[in-house]
Structure formats: structure tokens, C-alpha cells
PDB file of N, CA and C in Angstrom:
ATOM      1  N   MET A   1       0.824  -1.368   0.041  1.00  0.00           N
ATOM      2  CA  MET A   1      -0.076  -0.025   0.288  1.00  0.00           C
ATOM      3  C   MET A   1       0.647   1.136   0.071  1.00  0.00           C
ATOM      4  N   LYS A   2       0.655   2.120  -0.897  1.00  0.00           N
ATOM      5  CA  LYS A   2       1.555   3.245  -0.813  1.00  0.00           C
ATOM      6  C   LYS A   2       1.379   3.860   0.587  1.00  0.00           C
ATOM      7  N   LYS A   3       2.239   4.818   0.915  1.00  0.00           N
ATOM      8  CA  LYS A   3       1.908   5.900   2.327  1.00  0.00           C
ATOM      9  C   LYS A   3       1.687   7.101   1.543  1.00  0.00           C
ATOM     10  N   LYS A   4       1.076   7.818   2.227  1.00  0.00           N
ATOM     11  CA  LYS A   4       0.665   9.182   2.121  1.00  0.00           C
ATOM     12  C   LYS A   4       1.370   9.863   2.772  1.00  0.00           C
ATOM     13  N   ILE A   5       1.994  10.486   2.038  1.00  0.00           N
ATOM     14  CA  ILE A   5       2.806  11.734   2.895  1.00  0.00           C
ATOM     15  C   ILE A   5       2.495  13.467   3.124  1.00  0.00           C
ATOM     16  N   LEU A   6       2.512  13.659   3.726  1.00  0.00           N
ATOM     17  CA  LEU A   6       2.351  15.541   4.385  1.00  0.00           C
ATOM     18  C   LEU A   6       3.398  16.082   4.020  1.00  0.00           C
ATOM     19  N   ILE A   7       3.486  17.112   2.982  1.00  0.00           N
ATOM     20  CA  ILE A   7       4.690  18.114   2.793  1.00  0.00           C
ATOM     21  C   ILE A   7       4.726  19.284   3.290  1.00  0.00           C
ATOM     22  N   VAL A   8       5.311  19.977   4.186  1.00  0.00           N
ATOM     23  CA  VAL A   8       5.029  20.973   5.140  1.00  0.00           C
ATOM     24  C   VAL A   8       6.501  21.940   4.880  1.00  0.00           C
ATOM     25  N   GLU A   9       6.690  22.977   3.724  1.00  0.00           N
ATOM     26  CA  GLU A   9       8.083  23.266   3.338  1.00  0.00           C
ATOM     27  C   GLU A   9       7.236  24.597   2.781  1.00  0.00           C
ATOM     28  N   ASP A  10       7.850  25.809   3.040  1.00  0.00           N
ATOM     29  CA  ASP A  10       7.745  27.059   2.728  1.00  0.00           C
ATOM     30  C   ASP A  10       8.816  27.419   1.386  1.00  0.00           C
ATOM     31  N   GLU A  11       9.629  26.480   0.975  1.00  0.00           N
ATOM     32  CA  GLU A  11      10.099  26.790  -0.324  1.00  0.00           C
ATOM     33  C   GLU A  11       9.726  25.894  -1.402  1.00  0.00           C
ATOM     34  N   ALA A  12       9.182  27.001  -2.387  1.00  0.00           N
ATOM     35  CA  ALA A  12       8.083  26.142  -3.460  1.00  0.00           C
ATOM     36  C   ALA A  12       9.533  25.346  -4.405  1.00  0.00           C
ATOM     37  N   LEU A  13      10.407  25.649  -4.538  1.00  0.00           N
ATOM     38  CA  LEU A  13      11.262  24.735  -5.274  1.00  0.00           C
ATOM     39  C   LEU A  13      11.744  23.604  -4.688  1.00  0.00           C
ATOM     40  N   HIS A  14      11.679  23.672  -3.321  1.00  0.00           N
ATOM     41  CA  HIS A  14      11.999  22.653  -2.515  1.00  0.00           C
ATOM     42  C   HIS A  14      10.416  21.249  -2.910  1.00  0.00           C
ATOM     43  N   VAL A  15       9.283  22.018  -2.473  1.00  0.00           N
ATOM     44  CA  VAL A  15       8.094  21.224  -2.475  1.00  0.00           C
ATOM     45  C   VAL A  15       8.129  20.265  -4.051  1.00  0.00           C
ATOM     46  N   MET A  16       8.325  21.200  -4.749  1.00  0.00           N
ATOM     47  CA  MET A  16       8.412  20.785  -6.521  1.00  0.00           C
ATOM     48  C   MET A  16       9.127  19.728  -6.309  1.00  0.00           C
ATOM     49  N   PHE A  17      10.494  19.827  -6.178  1.00  0.00           N
ATOM     50  CA  PHE A  17      11.382  18.742  -6.465  1.00  0.00           C
ATOM     51  C   PHE A  17      10.874  17.330  -5.807  1.00  0.00           C
ATOM     52  N   ILE A  18      10.865  17.899  -3.901  1.00  0.00           N
ATOM     53  CA  ILE A  18      10.114  16.690  -3.440  1.00  0.00           C
ATOM     54  C   ILE A  18       8.917  15.812  -3.897  1.00  0.00           C
ATOM     55  N   LYS A  19       8.170  16.851  -4.318  1.00  0.00           N
ATOM     56  CA  LYS A  19       6.670  16.194  -5.107  1.00  0.00           C
ATOM     57  C   LYS A  19       7.346  15.076  -5.694  1.00  0.00           C
ATOM     58  N   LYS A  20       8.194  15.752  -7.134  1.00  0.00           N
ATOM     59  CA  LYS A  20       8.733  14.723  -8.006  1.00  0.00           C
ATOM     60  C   LYS A  20       9.212  13.495  -7.671  1.00  0.00           C
ATOM     61  N   VAL A  21      10.137  13.556  -6.685  1.00  0.00           N
ATOM     62  CA  VAL A  21      11.066  12.426  -6.000  1.00  0.00           C
ATOM     63  C   VAL A  21       9.896  11.626  -5.121  1.00  0.00           C
ATOM     64  N   LEU A  22       9.359  11.932  -4.337  1.00  0.00           N
ATOM     65  CA  LEU A  22       8.477  11.058  -3.945  1.00  0.00           C
ATOM     66  C   LEU A  22       7.322  10.222  -4.878  1.00  0.00           C
ATOM     67  N   LYS A  23       6.598  10.772  -5.713  1.00  0.00           N
ATOM     68  CA  LYS A  23       5.624  10.484  -6.994  1.00  0.00           C
ATOM     69  C   LYS A  23       6.337   9.724  -7.400  1.00  0.00           C
ATOM     70  N   THR A  24       7.571   9.736  -7.950  1.00  0.00           N
ATOM     71  CA  THR A  24       8.418   8.695  -8.956  1.00  0.00           C
ATOM     72  C   THR A  24       8.902   7.556  -8.127  1.00  0.00           C
ATOM     73  N   ASN A  25       8.967   7.706  -6.798  1.00  0.00           N
ATOM     74  CA  ASN A  25       9.263   6.194  -5.844  1.00  0.00           C
ATOM     75  C   ASN A  25       7.889   5.590  -5.286  1.00  0.00           C
ATOM     76  N   GLY A  26       6.808   6.011  -5.955  1.00  0.00           N
ATOM     77  CA  GLY A  26       5.461   5.204  -5.577  1.00  0.00           C
ATOM     78  C   GLY A  26       5.168   5.725  -4.165  1.00  0.00           C
ATOM     79  N   TYR A  27       5.285   7.137  -3.570  1.00  0.00           N
ATOM     80  CA  TYR A  27       4.442   7.301  -2.636  1.00  0.00           C
ATOM     81  C   TYR A  27       3.128   8.355  -2.783  1.00  0.00           C
ATOM     82  N   GLU A  28       2.263   8.619  -2.370  1.00  0.00           N
ATOM     83  CA  GLU A  28       1.263   9.378  -2.519  1.00  0.00           C
ATOM     84  C   GLU A  28       1.350  10.594  -2.027  1.00  0.00           C
ATOM     85  N   ILE A  29       1.301  11.981  -2.838  1.00  0.00           N
ATOM     86  CA  ILE A  29       1.245  13.256  -1.602  1.00  0.00           C
ATOM     87  C   ILE A  29      -0.501  13.261  -1.399  1.00  0.00           C
ATOM     88  N   CYS A  30      -0.412  13.550  -0.112  1.00  0.00           N
ATOM     89  CA  CYS A  30      -1.829  14.111   0.471  1.00  0.00           C
ATOM     90  C   CYS A  30      -2.522  15.218   1.053  1.00  0.00           C
ATOM     91  N   GLY A  31      -1.217  16.060   0.830  1.00  0.00           N
ATOM     92  CA  GLY A  31      -1.205  17.426   1.339  1.00  0.00           C
ATOM     93  C   GLY A  31       0.099  18.063   1.135  1.00  0.00           C
ATOM     94  N   VAL A  32       0.071  19.829   0.682  1.00  0.00           N
ATOM     95  CA  VAL A  32       1.000  20.394   0.883  1.00  0.00           C
ATOM     96  C   VAL A  32       0.911  21.908   1.880  1.00  0.00           C
ATOM     97  N   SER A  33       1.670  22.354   2.713  1.00  0.00           N
ATOM     98  CA  SER A  33       1.336  23.455   2.976  1.00  0.00           C
ATOM     99  C   SER A  33       2.778  24.344   3.276  1.00  0.00           C
ATOM    100  N   ALA A  34       2.542  25.581   3.296  1.00  0.00           N
ATOM    101  CA  ALA A  34       3.895  26.410   3.657  1.00  0.00           C
ATOM    102  C   ALA A  34       3.772  27.039   5.076  1.00  0.00           C
ATOM    103  N   THR A  35       2.738  26.390   5.830  1.00  0.00           N
ATOM    104  CA  THR A  35       2.418  27.167   6.578  1.00  0.00           C
ATOM    105  C   THR A  35       2.319  25.924   8.038  1.00  0.00           C
ATOM    106  N   GLY A  36       2.171  26.562   9.104  1.00  0.00           N
ATOM    107  CA  GLY A  36       2.090  25.974  10.190  1.00  0.00           C
ATOM    108  C   GLY A  36       0.518  25.454  10.641  1.00  0.00           C
ATOM    109  N   GLU A  37      -0.114  26.527  10.481  1.00  0.00           N
ATOM    110  CA  GLU A  37      -1.777  26.131  10.653  1.00  0.00           C
ATOM    111  C   GLU A  37      -2.103  25.236   9.363  1.00  0.00           C
ATOM    112  N   GLY A  38      -1.616  25.599   8.358  1.00  0.00           N
ATOM    113  CA  GLY A  38      -2.391  24.995   7.235  1.00  0.00           C
ATOM    114  C   GLY A  38      -1.595  23.369   7.556  1.00  0.00           C
ATOM    115  N   ALA A  39      -0.307  22.891   8.184  1.00  0.00           N
ATOM    116  CA  ALA A  39       0.073  22.163   8.239  1.00  0.00           C
ATOM    117  C   ALA A  39      -0.848  21.327   9.671  1.00  0.00           C
ATOM    118  N   ILE A  40      -1.155  21.835  10.401  1.00  0.00           N
ATOM    119  CA  ILE A  40      -1.794  21.079  11.576  1.00  0.00           C
ATOM    120  C   ILE A  40      -3.645  20.971  10.809  1.00  0.00           C
ATOM    121  N   ASP A  41      -4.004  21.446  10.103  1.00  0.00           N
ATOM    122  CA  ASP A  41      -5.288  21.353   9.125  1.00  0.00           C
ATOM    123  C   ASP A  41      -5.129  20.543   8.184  1.00  0.00           C
ATOM    124  N   LEU A  42      -4.198  19.871   7.424  1.00  0.00           N
ATOM    125  CA  LEU A  42      -4.238  19.053   6.651  1.00  0.00           C
ATOM    126  C   LEU A  42      -3.585  17.760   7.406  1.00  0.00           C
ATOM    127  N   ALA A  43      -2.819  17.628   8.275  1.00  0.00           N
ATOM    128  CA  ALA A  43      -2.584  16.375   9.308  1.00  0.00           C
ATOM    129  C   ALA A  43      -3.961  16.075   9.573  1.00  0.00           C
ATOM    130  N   ARG A  44      -5.128  17.007  10.314  1.00  0.00           N
ATOM    131  CA  ARG A  44      -6.416  16.755  10.818  1.00  0.00           C
ATOM    132  C   ARG A  44      -7.049  15.983  10.106  1.00  0.00           C
ATOM    133  N   ASN A  45      -7.177  16.677   8.705  1.00  0.00           N
ATOM    134  CA  ASN A  45      -8.136  15.983   7.510  1.00  0.00           C
ATOM    135  C   ASN A  45      -7.611  15.020   6.614  1.00  0.00           C
ATOM    136  N   ASN A  46      -6.295  14.962   6.582  1.00  0.00           N
ATOM    137  CA  ASN A  46      -5.948  14.164   5.713  1.00  0.00           C
ATOM    138  C   ASN A  46      -5.340  12.595   6.040  1.00  0.00           C
ATOM    139  N   SER A  47      -4.829  12.813   7.206  1.00  0.00           N
ATOM    140  CA  SER A  47      -4.611  11.529   8.145  1.00  0.00           C
ATOM    141  C   SER A  47      -3.551  11.032   7.340  1.00  0.00           C
ATOM    142  N   PRO A  48      -2.196  11.669   7.590  1.00  0.00           N
ATOM    143  CA  PRO A  48      -0.830  11.108   6.516  1.00  0.00           C
ATOM    144  C   PRO A  48      -0.518  10.149   7.226  1.00  0.00           C
ATOM    145  N   ASP A  49       0.200   9.101   6.550  1.00  0.00           N
ATOM    146  CA  ASP A  49       1.048   8.452   7.210  1.00  0.00           C
ATOM    147  C   ASP A  49       2.271   8.798   7.623  1.00  0.00           C
ATOM    148  N   ILE A  50       2.752   9.586   7.283  1.00  0.00           N
ATOM    149  CA  ILE A  50       4.290  10.275   7.179  1.00  0.00           C
ATOM    150  C   ILE A  50       4.235  12.212   7.115  1.00  0.00           C
ATOM    151  N   THR A  51       4.812  12.947   7.762  1.00  0.00           N
ATOM    152  CA  THR A  51       4.819  14.045   7.343  1.00  0.00           C
ATOM    153  C   THR A  51       6.131  14.771   7.409  1.00  0.00           C
ATOM    154  N   LEU A  52       6.553  15.053   6.346  1.00  0.00           N
ATOM    155  CA  LEU A  52       7.840  15.764   6.206  1.00  0.00           C
ATOM    156  C   LEU A  52       7.883  17.188   6.373  1.00  0.00           C
ATOM    157  N   MET A  53       8.404  17.685   7.663  1.00  0.00           N
ATOM    158  CA  MET A  53       8.135  19.200   8.362  1.00  0.00           C
ATOM    159  C   MET A  53       9.140  20.229   7.995  1.00  0.00           C
ATOM    160  N   ASP A  54       9.356  20.960   7.559  1.00  0.00           N
ATOM    161  CA  ASP A  54      10.212  22.024   7.534  1.00  0.00           C
ATOM    162  C   ASP A  54      10.331  22.632   8.996  1.00  0.00           C
ATOM    163  N   ILE A  55      10.930  23.278   9.642  1.00  0.00           N
ATOM    164  CA  ILE A  55      10.753  23.750  10.675  1.00  0.00           C
ATOM    165  C   ILE A  55      10.875  25.399  10.761  1.00  0.00           C
ATOM    166  N   ASN A  56      11.352  25.888   9.765  1.00  0.00           N
ATOM    167  CA  ASN A  56      11.295  27.480   9.514  1.00  0.00           C
ATOM    168  C   ASN A  56      10.246  27.493   8.773  1.00  0.00           C
ATOM    169  N   LEU A  57       9.073  27.931   9.115  1.00  0.00           N
ATOM    170  CA  LEU A  57       8.037  28.134   7.988  1.00  0.00           C
ATOM    171  C   LEU A  57       7.539  29.482   8.006  1.00  0.00           C
ATOM    172  N   ALA A  58       6.356  29.760   6.872  1.00  0.00           N
ATOM    173  CA  ALA A  58       5.965  31.036   6.636  1.00  0.00           C
ATOM    174  C   ALA A  58       4.865  31.625   7.115  1.00  0.00           C
ATOM    175  N   ASP A  59       4.403  31.064   8.504  1.00  0.00           N
ATOM    176  CA  ASP A  59       3.853  32.116   9.311  1.00  0.00           C
ATOM    177  C   ASP A  59       4.579  32.194  10.629  1.00  0.00           C
ATOM    178  N   SER A  60       3.801  32.102  11.566  1.00  0.00           N
ATOM    179  CA  SER A  60       4.638  32.522  13.312  1.00  0.00           C
ATOM    180  C   SER A  60       4.312  31.370  14.066  1.00  0.00           C
ATOM    181  N   ILE A  61       4.058  30.315  12.981  1.00  0.00           N
ATOM    182  CA  ILE A  61       3.766  28.866  14.053  1.00  0.00           C
ATOM    183  C   ILE A  61       5.032  27.996  13.376  1.00  0.00           C
ATOM    184  N   SER A  62       6.473  27.518  13.855  1.00  0.00           N
ATOM    185  CA  SER A  62       7.137  26.727  13.232  1.00  0.00           C
ATOM    186  C   SER A  62       7.034  25.476  13.302  1.00  0.00           C
ATOM    187  N   GLY A  63       7.704  24.561  12.692  1.00  0.00           N
ATOM    188  CA  GLY A  63       7.300  23.475  12.231  1.00  0.00           C
ATOM    189  C   GLY A  63       7.250  22.207  13.551  1.00  0.00           C
ATOM    190  N   ILE A  64       8.031  22.916  14.382  1.00  0.00           N
ATOM    191  CA  ILE A  64       8.029  22.140  16.048  1.00  0.00           C
ATOM    192  C   ILE A  64       6.952  22.440  16.697  1.00  0.00           C
ATOM    193  N   GLU A  65       6.482  23.672  16.553  1.00  0.00           N
ATOM    194  CA  GLU A  65       5.325  24.021  17.358  1.00  0.00           C
ATOM    195  C   GLU A  65       3.972  23.171  16.497  1.00  0.00           C
ATOM    196  N   ALA A  66       3.830  23.561  15.330  1.00  0.00           N
ATOM    197  CA  ALA A  66       3.142  22.461  14.682  1.00  0.00           C
ATOM    198  C   ALA A  66       3.355  21.406  14.878  1.00  0.00           C
ATOM    199  N   ALA A  67       4.169  20.538  15.136  1.00  0.00           N
ATOM    200  CA  ALA A  67       4.226  18.938  15.093  1.00  0.00           C
ATOM    201  C   ALA A  67       3.623  18.793  16.544  1.00  0.00           C
ATOM    202  N   ARG A  68       3.730  19.657  17.487  1.00  0.00           N
ATOM    203  CA  ARG A  68       3.440  19.434  18.971  1.00  0.00           C
ATOM    204  C   ARG A  68       1.617  19.548  19.031  1.00  0.00           C
ATOM    205  N   GLU A  69       1.365  20.168  18.123  1.00  0.00           N
ATOM    206  CA  GLU A  69       0.171  20.288  18.189  1.00  0.00           C
ATOM    207  C   GLU A  69      -0.797  19.073  17.305  1.00  0.00           C
ATOM    208  N   ILE A  70       0.106  19.030  16.284  1.00  0.00           N
ATOM    209  CA  ILE A  70      -0.346  17.833  15.603  1.00  0.00           C
ATOM    210  C   ILE A  70      -0.348  16.140  16.427  1.00  0.00           C
ATOM    211  N   ARG A  71       0.570  16.274  17.668  1.00  0.00           N
ATOM    212  CA  ARG A  71       0.535  15.352  18.244  1.00  0.00           C
ATOM    213  C   ARG A  71      -0.779  15.338  18.991  1.00  0.00           C
ATOM    214  N   ASN A  72      -1.279  16.468  19.084  1.00  0.00           N
ATOM    215  CA  ASN A  72      -2.624  15.875  20.425  1.00  0.00           C
ATOM    216  C   ASN A  72      -3.539  15.258  19.585  1.00  0.00           C
ATOM    217  N   PHE A  73      -3.529  14.972  18.428  1.00  0.00           N
ATOM    218  CA  PHE A  73      -4.535  14.244  17.980  1.00  0.00           C
ATOM    219  C   PHE A  73      -4.420  13.181  16.836  1.00  0.00           C
ATOM    220  N   SER A  74      -2.918  13.155  16.893  1.00  0.00           N
ATOM    221  CA  SER A  74      -2.523  12.268  15.808  1.00  0.00           C
ATOM    222  C   SER A  74      -0.931  11.380  16.421  1.00  0.00           C
ATOM    223  N   ASP A  75      -0.431  10.491  16.013  1.00  0.00           N
ATOM    224  CA  ASP A  75       0.960   9.830  16.344  1.00  0.00           C
ATOM    225  C   ASP A  75       1.580   9.522  14.923  1.00  0.00           C
ATOM    226  N   THR A  76       1.251  10.149  13.858  1.00  0.00           N
ATOM    227  CA  THR A  76       1.832   9.933  12.515  1.00  0.00           C
ATOM    228  C   THR A  76       3.305  10.545  12.775  1.00  0.00           C
ATOM    229  N   PRO A  77       4.210   9.583  12.348  1.00  0.00           N
ATOM    230  CA  PRO A  77       5.447   9.895  12.174  1.00  0.00           C
ATOM    231  C   PRO A  77       5.775  11.397  11.458  1.00  0.00           C
ATOM    232  N   ILE A  78       6.792  11.972  12.286  1.00  0.00           N
ATOM    233  CA  ILE A  78       7.245  13.419  11.392  1.00  0.00           C
ATOM    234  C   ILE A  78       8.688  13.326  11.408  1.00  0.00           C
ATOM    235  N   ILE A  79       9.291  13.392  10.150  1.00  0.00           N
ATOM    236  CA  ILE A  79      10.471  13.603   9.745  1.00  0.00           C
ATOM    237  C   ILE A  79      10.508  15.015   9.694  1.00  0.00           C
ATOM    238  N   PHE A  80      11.318  15.967  10.368  1.00  0.00           N
ATOM    239  CA  PHE A  80      11.854  17.266  10.744  1.00  0.00           C
ATOM    240  C   PHE A  80      13.101  17.091   9.490  1.00  0.00           C
ATOM    241  N   VAL A  81      12.723  18.493   8.744  1.00  0.00           N
ATOM    242  CA  VAL A  81      13.551  18.673   7.698  1.00  0.00           C
ATOM    243  C   VAL A  81      14.158  20.134   7.803  1.00  0.00           C
ATOM    244  N   THR A  82      15.673  20.221   8.162  1.00  0.00           N
ATOM    245  CA  THR A  82      15.900  21.657   8.670  1.00  0.00           C
ATOM    246  C   THR A  82      17.370  21.871   7.932  1.00  0.00           C
ATOM    247  N   GLY A  83      17.703  23.093   7.877  1.00  0.00           N
ATOM    248  CA  GLY A  83      19.206  23.327   7.638  1.00  0.00           C
ATOM    249  C   GLY A  83      20.294  23.936   9.214  1.00  0.00           C
ATOM    250  N   TYR A  84      19.154  24.189   9.850  1.00  0.00           N
ATOM    251  CA  TYR A  84      20.107  24.191  10.912  1.00  0.00           C
ATOM    252  C   TYR A  84      20.520  23.190  11.610  1.00  0.00           C
ATOM    253  N   GLU A  85      21.744  23.900  12.671  1.00  0.00           N
ATOM    254  CA  GLU A  85      22.661  22.769  13.301  1.00  0.00           C
ATOM    255  C   GLU A  85      21.857  21.814  14.256  1.00  0.00           C
ATOM    256  N   LYS A  86      22.213  20.690  13.759  1.00  0.00           N
ATOM    257  CA  LYS A  86      21.410  19.525  14.158  1.00  0.00           C
ATOM    258  C   LYS A  86      21.039  19.040  15.621  1.00  0.00           C
ATOM    259  N   ASP A  87      22.394  19.434  16.577  1.00  0.00           N
ATOM    260  CA  ASP A  87      22.602  19.178  17.836  1.00  0.00           C
ATOM    261  C   ASP A  87      21.449  19.732  18.520  1.00  0.00           C
ATOM    262  N   ALA A  88      21.327  21.089  17.768  1.00  0.00           N
ATOM    263  CA  ALA A  88      20.011  22.273  18.779  1.00  0.00           C
ATOM    264  C   ALA A  88      19.104  21.962  18.317  1.00  0.00           C
ATOM    265  N   ILE A  89      18.702  21.242  17.136  1.00  0.00           N
ATOM    266  CA  ILE A  89      17.473  20.836  17.147  1.00  0.00           C
ATOM    267  C   ILE A  89      17.093  19.558  17.800  1.00  0.00           C
ATOM    268  N   LEU A  90      17.778  18.809  17.607  1.00  0.00           N
ATOM    269  CA  LEU A  90      17.946  17.552  18.363  1.00  0.00           C
ATOM    270  C   LEU A  90      17.004  17.658  19.650  1.00  0.00           C
ATOM    271  N   SER A  91      17.766  18.501  20.586  1.00  0.00           N
ATOM    272  CA  SER A  91      17.587  18.844  21.863  1.00  0.00           C
ATOM    273  C   SER A  91      15.848  19.219  21.921  1.00  0.00           C
ATOM    274  N   GLU A  92      15.651  20.049  20.806  1.00  0.00           N
ATOM    275  CA  GLU A  92      14.448  20.997  20.679  1.00  0.00           C
ATOM    276  C   GLU A  92      13.122  19.994  20.817  1.00  0.00           C
ATOM    277  N   ILE A  93      13.394  19.028  19.796  1.00  0.00           N
ATOM    278  CA  ILE A  93      12.251  17.868  19.437  1.00  0.00           C
ATOM    279  C   ILE A  93      12.328  16.671  19.829  1.00  0.00           C
ATOM    280  N   SER A  94      13.433  16.440  21.031  1.00  0.00           N
ATOM    281  CA  SER A  94      13.611  15.219  21.766  1.00  0.00           C
ATOM    282  C   SER A  94      12.320  14.745  22.657  1.00  0.00           C
ATOM    283  N   ASP A  95      11.189  15.820  22.723  1.00  0.00           N
ATOM    284  CA  ASP A  95      10.024  15.318  23.830  1.00  0.00           C
ATOM    285  C   ASP A  95       8.489  14.733  22.451  1.00  0.00           C
ATOM    286  N   ILE A  96       9.331  14.977  21.242  1.00  0.00           N
ATOM    287  CA  ILE A  96       8.242  14.673  20.192  1.00  0.00           C
ATOM    288  C   ILE A  96       8.076  13.366  19.697  1.00  0.00           C
ATOM    289  N   GLU A  97       7.271  12.788  20.282  1.00  0.00           N
ATOM    290  CA  GLU A  97       7.539  11.190  19.931  1.00  0.00           C
ATOM    291  C   GLU A  97       7.516  10.779  18.627  1.00  0.00           C
ATOM    292  N   ARG A  98       8.089   9.333  18.206  1.00  0.00           N
ATOM    293  CA  ARG A  98       7.729   9.043  16.673  1.00  0.00           C
ATOM    294  C   ARG A  98       8.180  10.354  15.580  1.00  0.00           C
ATOM    295  N   SER A  99       9.583  10.608  15.998  1.00  0.00           N
ATOM    296  CA  SER A  99      10.041  11.584  14.953  1.00  0.00           C
ATOM    297  C   SER A  99      11.866  11.302  14.680  1.00  0.00           C
ATOM    298  N   MET A 100      12.058  12.194  13.566  1.00  0.00           N
ATOM    299  CA  MET A 100      13.357  12.166  13.040  1.00  0.00           C
ATOM    300  C   MET A 100      13.691  13.089  12.622  1.00  0.00           C
ATOM    301  N   LEU A 101      15.021  13.555  12.549  1.00  0.00           N
ATOM    302  CA  LEU A 101      15.558  14.713  11.977  1.00  0.00           C
ATOM    303  C   LEU A 101      16.575  14.506  10.641  1.00  0.00           C
ATOM    304  N   TYR A 102      16.063  15.279   9.468  1.00  0.00           N
ATOM    305  CA  TYR A 102      16.952  15.077   8.278  1.00  0.00           C
ATOM    306  C   TYR A 102      17.217  16.677   8.151  1.00  0.00           C
ATOM    307  N   THR A 103      18.521  16.602   7.891  1.00  0.00           N
ATOM    308  CA  THR A 103      19.137  18.179   7.568  1.00  0.00           C
ATOM    309  C   THR A 103      19.505  18.011   5.968  1.00  0.00           C
ATOM    310  N   LYS A 104      19.415  19.858   5.899  1.00  0.00           N
ATOM    311  CA  LYS A 104      19.425  19.852   4.417  1.00  0.00           C
ATOM    312  C   LYS A 104      20.904  20.513   4.252  1.00  0.00           C
ATOM    313  N   PRO A 105      21.344  19.998   2.636  1.00  0.00           N
ATOM    314  CA  PRO A 105      20.525  20.308   1.610  1.00  0.00           C
ATOM    315  C   PRO A 105      19.860  18.594   1.452  1.00  0.00           C
ATOM    316  N   ILE A 106      18.736  19.079   0.427  1.00  0.00           N
ATOM    317  CA  ILE A 106      17.931  17.647   0.319  1.00  0.00           C
ATOM    318  C   ILE A 106      18.426  17.195  -0.607  1.00  0.00           C
ATOM    319  N   GLU A 107      19.334  15.797  -0.527  1.00  0.00           N
ATOM    320  CA  GLU A 107      19.418  14.860  -1.225  1.00  0.00           C
ATOM    321  C   GLU A 107      18.392  13.356  -1.736  1.00  0.00           C
ATOM    322  N   ILE A 108      18.248  13.035  -3.003  1.00  0.00           N
ATOM    323  CA  ILE A 108      17.165  12.299  -3.076  1.00  0.00           C
ATOM    324  C   ILE A 108      17.311  11.358  -2.411  1.00  0.00           C
ATOM    325  N   GLU A 109      18.555  10.546  -2.627  1.00  0.00           N
ATOM    326  CA  GLU A 109      18.759   8.783  -1.888  1.00  0.00           C
ATOM    327  C   GLU A 109      18.861   9.177  -0.818  1.00  0.00           C
ATOM    328  N   ILE A 110      19.184  10.413   0.035  1.00  0.00           N
ATOM    329  CA  ILE A 110      19.318  10.160   1.378  1.00  0.00           C
ATOM    330  C   ILE A 110      18.325  10.382   2.131  1.00  0.00           C
ATOM    331  N   LEU A 111      17.161  11.237   1.381  1.00  0.00           N
ATOM    332  CA  LEU A 111      15.829  11.723   1.840  1.00  0.00           C
ATOM    333  C   LEU A 111      15.054  10.100   1.806  1.00  0.00           C
ATOM    334  N   LEU A 112      15.148   9.454   0.443  1.00  0.00           N
ATOM    335  CA  LEU A 112      14.508   7.928   0.555  1.00  0.00           C
ATOM    336  C   LEU A 112      14.538   7.314   1.452  1.00  0.00           C
ATOM    337  N   GLU A 113      16.003   7.342   1.845  1.00  0.00           N
ATOM    338  CA  GLU A 113      16.368   6.320   2.947  1.00  0.00           C
ATOM    339  C   GLU A 113      16.065   6.620   4.226  1.00  0.00           C
ATOM    340  N   TYR A 114      15.837   7.885   4.417  1.00  0.00           N
ATOM    341  CA  TYR A 114      15.158   8.351   5.869  1.00  0.00           C
ATOM    342  C   TYR A 114      13.943   7.575   5.858  1.00  0.00           C
ATOM    343  N   ILE A 115      13.091   7.916   4.553  1.00  0.00           N
ATOM    344  CA  ILE A 115      11.601   7.811   4.283  1.00  0.00           C
ATOM    345  C   ILE A 115      11.538   6.158   4.671  1.00  0.00           C
ATOM    346  N   GLN A 116      12.352   5.804   3.859  1.00  0.00           N
ATOM    347  CA  GLN A 116      12.470   4.353   4.606  1.00  0.00           C
ATOM    348  C   GLN A 116      12.597   3.755   5.556  1.00  0.00           C
ATOM    349  N   GLU A 117      13.678   4.527   6.284  1.00  0.00           N
ATOM    350  CA  GLU A 117      13.607   3.970   7.709  1.00  0.00           C
ATOM    351  C   GLU A 117      12.854   4.581   8.436  1.00  0.00           C
ATOM    352  N   CYS A 118      12.198   5.322   8.193  1.00  0.00           N
ATOM    353  CA  CYS A 118      10.901   5.949   9.191  1.00  0.00           C
ATOM    354  C   CYS A 118       9.668   4.631   8.852  1.00  0.00           C
ATOM    355  N   ILE A 119       9.552   4.029   7.844  1.00  0.00           N
ATOM    356  CA  ILE A 119       8.384   2.767   7.607  1.00  0.00           C
ATOM    357  C   ILE A 119       8.757   2.102   8.280  1.00  0.00           C
ATOM    358  N   GLN A 120      10.607   1.593   8.358  1.00  0.00           N
ATOM    359  CA  GLN A 120      10.984   0.505   8.837  1.00  0.00           C
ATOM    360  C   GLN A 120      10.524   0.522  10.654  1.00  0.00           C
ATOM    361  N   LYS A 121      11.086   1.849  11.149  1.00  0.00           N
ATOM    362  CA  LYS A 121      11.137   2.132  12.508  1.00  0.00           C
ATOM    363  C   LYS A 121       9.263   2.088  12.996  1.00  0.00           C
ATOM    364  N   PHE A 122       8.531   2.586  12.428  1.00  0.00           N
ATOM    365  CA  PHE A 122       7.317   2.857  13.031  1.00  0.00           C
ATOM    366  C   PHE A 122       6.022   2.107  12.412  1.00  0.00           C
ATOM    367  N   PHE A 123       6.209   1.598  11.244  1.00  0.00           N
ATOM    368  CA  PHE A 123       4.896   0.691  10.753  1.00  0.00           C
ATOM    369  C   PHE A 123       5.180  -0.814  10.604  1.00  0.00           C
ATOM    370  N   ILE A 124       6.298  -1.384  10.724  1.00  0.00           N
ATOM    371  CA  ILE A 124       6.874  -2.569  10.612  1.00  0.00           C
ATOM    372  C   ILE A 124       7.137  -3.060  12.074  1.00  0.00           C
ATOM    373  N   LYS A 125       6.125  -3.869  12.545  1.00  0.00           N
ATOM    374  CA  LYS A 125       6.186  -4.615  13.865  1.00  0.00           C
ATOM    375  C   LYS A 125       7.163  -5.674  13.544  1.00  0.00           C
TER     376      LYS A 125
END
């Protein structure tokens, strides 16, 4: 079964690139948002299997804040995607269960490996 992925990213070129890569590799895109508010709404309404969440978004709600809100109603795994220093972000997201961290720049093979690792870790018992 195709995994449904929600993309939360405010850079249009990154969105186009990620969508193309995911579709080419058999994933279904169940929504795209550039904002934290939009991410929360899409996660609530579309029930993604996995969320790719940028941390720095186009509104006042960060990806981390949006993820915490999503955790109030969903346990969908979240892969945080960021260009920030890895150690600083890891401490910020340590309380968000079922999450992983991917640091930019986005490289196709590595991103796909992270998604596959997420599936192995959270879906295969």
C-alpha cells in the first residue's frame, strides 16, 4: 500500500523537487502546506502516514510548534527537515515522539533512505 505523505515546506522549489521524487518512488502526496496552521489542518483532515516538516515556515508557527499541536490528535511519524544545526534541533524535538531529523541540503537518495527508515521503524512490527 502506498504511504501518504504530507509535505510542510515554505520553499516552492523544494516542494516541487520533493513531490516529484516522492511520486516517482511510489508515494502519495496527501497535502502540501507552507505554514504551520495549514500543516495542522491538513494533518487533521488528510491523516498522512508520514509528515515531512520544515522547521522554519511562512507563518508565526514553527514546524516544531505545529508538530506538537499535531501530536494532540495524531501519532503520524514526523521527519523534521532543516538547515539548522543538528544538535540544537535534536534537543528541541526530543519530546516529540515518533520523530526523526533530516538536515538539508536535500539529496534524493538520502531523503528516500530516511523515509524508508521511518517506515521500518514505525510501521513494521
